[in-house]
Amino acid sequence: MGGRIKGQESQEPRAVKRRAATAAKKAAAKGAPPADPGGLKVSTESIVVDPPAKKKAPAAPAQQYHCANCLGSVTKSDSHCPTCEVRLGWEG
């Protein structure tokens, strides 16, 4: 069994793990990130979360009117009834 030189730390796996755990605890106590987070990279970019897009309410359909002659549906832009072809009087 080879002895250690005075001041040299043991290189056995459990000793190395224990020193790493101790160093991580000390770093966490100081508020610093761990030295080796298991191969993961620590990002310093800010995270931006956009709120979900609001769904627009469907546009209100054009107001429907009814022909006095046949009671067919007409709109304000019609000059004649599409059903019975009667001229529509929008004056009053």
C-alpha atoms as a PDB file:
ATOM      1  CA  MET A   1       0.000   0.000   0.000  1.00  0.00           C
ATOM      2  CA  GLY A   2       1.619   3.080  -1.199  1.00  0.00           C
ATOM      3  CA  GLY A   3       1.395   5.904   1.240  1.00  0.00           C
ATOM      4  CA  ARG A   4       0.451   9.451   0.435  1.00  0.00           C
ATOM      5  CA  ILE A   5       2.932  12.210   0.402  1.00  0.00           C
ATOM      6  CA  LYS A   6       2.269  14.685   3.162  1.00  0.00           C
ATOM      7  CA  GLY A   7      -0.259  17.320   1.978  1.00  0.00           C
ATOM      8  CA  GLN A   8      -1.413  15.266  -1.016  1.00  0.00           C
ATOM      9  CA  GLU A   9      -5.097  14.289  -1.166  1.00  0.00           C
ATOM     10  CA  SER A  10      -6.322  10.769  -1.790  1.00  0.00           C
ATOM     11  CA  GLN A  11      -7.343  10.002  -5.390  1.00  0.00           C
ATOM     12  CA  GLU A  12      -9.726   7.178  -4.510  1.00  0.00           C
ATOM     13  CA  PRO A  13     -13.148   7.612  -6.181  1.00  0.00           C
ATOM     14  CA  ARG A  14     -15.068   8.009  -2.939  1.00  0.00           C
ATOM     15  CA  ALA A  15     -12.610  10.634  -1.683  1.00  0.00           C
ATOM     16  CA  VAL A  16     -12.860  12.560  -4.958  1.00  0.00           C
ATOM     17  CA  LYS A  17     -16.689  12.439  -4.802  1.00  0.00           C
ATOM     18  CA  ARG A  18     -16.688  13.617  -1.203  1.00  0.00           C
ATOM     19  CA  ARG A  19     -14.440  16.584  -2.040  1.00  0.00           C
ATOM     20  CA  ALA A  20     -16.667  17.472  -5.006  1.00  0.00           C
ATOM     21  CA  ALA A  21     -19.789  17.325  -2.818  1.00  0.00           C
ATOM     22  CA  THR A  22     -18.129  19.487  -0.171  1.00  0.00           C
ATOM     23  CA  ALA A  23     -17.064  22.027  -2.799  1.00  0.00           C
ATOM     24  CA  ALA A  24     -20.616  22.101  -4.227  1.00  0.00           C
ATOM     25  CA  LYS A  25     -22.106  22.709  -0.782  1.00  0.00           C
ATOM     26  CA  LYS A  26     -19.672  25.557  -0.150  1.00  0.00           C
ATOM     27  CA  ALA A  27     -20.455  27.105  -3.540  1.00  0.00           C
ATOM     28  CA  ALA A  28     -24.208  26.794  -2.926  1.00  0.00           C
ATOM     29  CA  ALA A  29     -23.808  28.467   0.454  1.00  0.00           C
ATOM     30  CA  LYS A  30     -22.117  31.410  -1.304  1.00  0.00           C
ATOM     31  CA  GLY A  31     -24.865  31.543  -3.947  1.00  0.00           C
ATOM     32  CA  ALA A  32     -22.615  30.522  -6.830  1.00  0.00           C
ATOM     33  CA  PRO A  33     -23.667  27.874  -9.359  1.00  0.00           C
ATOM     34  CA  PRO A  34     -21.942  24.492  -9.038  1.00  0.00           C
ATOM     35  CA  ALA A  35     -18.598  24.227 -10.813  1.00  0.00           C
ATOM     36  CA  ASP A  36     -19.648  21.243 -12.964  1.00  0.00           C
ATOM     37  CA  PRO A  37     -23.415  20.845 -13.273  1.00  0.00           C
ATOM     38  CA  GLY A  38     -23.143  17.360 -14.757  1.00  0.00           C
ATOM     39  CA  GLY A  39     -22.235  18.407 -18.292  1.00  0.00           C
ATOM     40  CA  LEU A  40     -25.020  20.973 -18.531  1.00  0.00           C
ATOM     41  CA  LYS A  41     -24.309  24.540 -19.541  1.00  0.00           C
ATOM     42  CA  VAL A  42     -25.685  27.359 -17.426  1.00  0.00           C
ATOM     43  CA  SER A  43     -27.387  29.979 -19.585  1.00  0.00           C
ATOM     44  CA  THR A  44     -27.232  33.656 -18.757  1.00  0.00           C
ATOM     45  CA  GLU A  45     -29.889  34.585 -21.341  1.00  0.00           C
ATOM     46  CA  SER A  46     -33.142  35.971 -20.060  1.00  0.00           C
ATOM     47  CA  ILE A  47     -36.281  33.927 -20.555  1.00  0.00           C
ATOM     48  CA  VAL A  48     -39.135  35.705 -22.324  1.00  0.00           C
ATOM     49  CA  VAL A  49     -42.640  34.303 -22.232  1.00  0.00           C
ATOM     50  CA  ASP A  50     -45.150  35.867 -24.573  1.00  0.00           C
ATOM     51  CA  PRO A  51     -48.753  35.823 -23.379  1.00  0.00           C
ATOM     52  CA  PRO A  52     -51.042  33.711 -25.529  1.00  0.00           C
ATOM     53  CA  ALA A  53     -52.641  35.605 -28.379  1.00  0.00           C
ATOM     54  CA  LYS A  54     -56.186  36.676 -27.655  1.00  0.00           C
ATOM     55  CA  LYS A  55     -58.758  35.255 -29.990  1.00  0.00           C
ATOM     56  CA  LYS A  56     -60.718  37.919 -31.781  1.00  0.00           C
ATOM     57  CA  ALA A  57     -64.463  37.732 -31.566  1.00  0.00           C
ATOM     58  CA  PRO A  58     -66.038  36.930 -34.907  1.00  0.00           C
ATOM     59  CA  ALA A  59     -67.126  40.014 -36.797  1.00  0.00           C
ATOM     60  CA  ALA A  60     -70.783  40.814 -36.414  1.00  0.00           C
ATOM     61  CA  PRO A  61     -72.624  39.837 -39.570  1.00  0.00           C
ATOM     62  CA  ALA A  62     -74.145  42.618 -41.637  1.00  0.00           C
ATOM     63  CA  GLN A  63     -77.574  43.483 -40.352  1.00  0.00           C
ATOM     64  CA  GLN A  64     -80.205  41.496 -42.169  1.00  0.00           C
ATOM     65  CA  TYR A  65     -83.386  43.049 -43.489  1.00  0.00           C
ATOM     66  CA  HIS A  66     -86.370  41.374 -45.134  1.00  0.00           C
ATOM     67  CA  CYS A  67     -88.048  42.188 -48.398  1.00  0.00           C
ATOM     68  CA  ALA A  68     -91.610  43.558 -47.931  1.00  0.00           C
ATOM     69  CA  ASN A  69     -92.799  41.590 -50.965  1.00  0.00           C
ATOM     70  CA  CYS A  70     -91.467  38.040 -50.387  1.00  0.00           C
ATOM     71  CA  LEU A  71     -89.833  38.320 -46.924  1.00  0.00           C
ATOM     72  CA  GLY A  72     -86.493  37.181 -48.428  1.00  0.00           C
ATOM     73  CA  SER A  73     -83.251  38.260 -46.739  1.00  0.00           C
ATOM     74  CA  VAL A  74     -81.642  41.426 -48.094  1.00  0.00           C
ATOM     75  CA  THR A  75     -78.781  43.639 -46.962  1.00  0.00           C
ATOM     76  CA  LYS A  76     -78.552  47.417 -46.909  1.00  0.00           C
ATOM     77  CA  SER A  77     -76.286  47.368 -49.978  1.00  0.00           C
ATOM     78  CA  ASP A  78     -78.873  45.543 -52.168  1.00  0.00           C
ATOM     79  CA  SER A  79     -80.846  47.705 -54.594  1.00  0.00           C
ATOM     80  CA  HIS A  80     -83.139  44.821 -55.617  1.00  0.00           C
ATOM     81  CA  CYS A  81     -84.348  41.739 -53.717  1.00  0.00           C
ATOM     82  CA  PRO A  82     -82.226  38.730 -54.797  1.00  0.00           C
ATOM     83  CA  THR A  83     -85.270  36.453 -54.518  1.00  0.00           C
ATOM     84  CA  CYS A  84     -88.153  38.298 -56.228  1.00  0.00           C
ATOM     85  CA  GLU A  85     -86.196  41.062 -58.031  1.00  0.00           C
ATOM     86  CA  VAL A  86     -88.407  43.840 -56.603  1.00  0.00           C
ATOM     87  CA  ARG A  87     -86.716  47.230 -56.302  1.00  0.00           C
ATOM     88  CA  LEU A  88     -86.030  48.018 -52.646  1.00  0.00           C
ATOM     89  CA  GLY A  89     -86.887  51.461 -51.334  1.00  0.00           C
ATOM     90  CA  TRP A  90     -84.386  52.369 -48.634  1.00  0.00           C
ATOM     91  CA  GLU A  91     -85.536  55.991 -48.346  1.00  0.00           C
ATOM     92  CA  GLY A  92     -87.793  55.582 -45.509  1.00  0.00           C
END
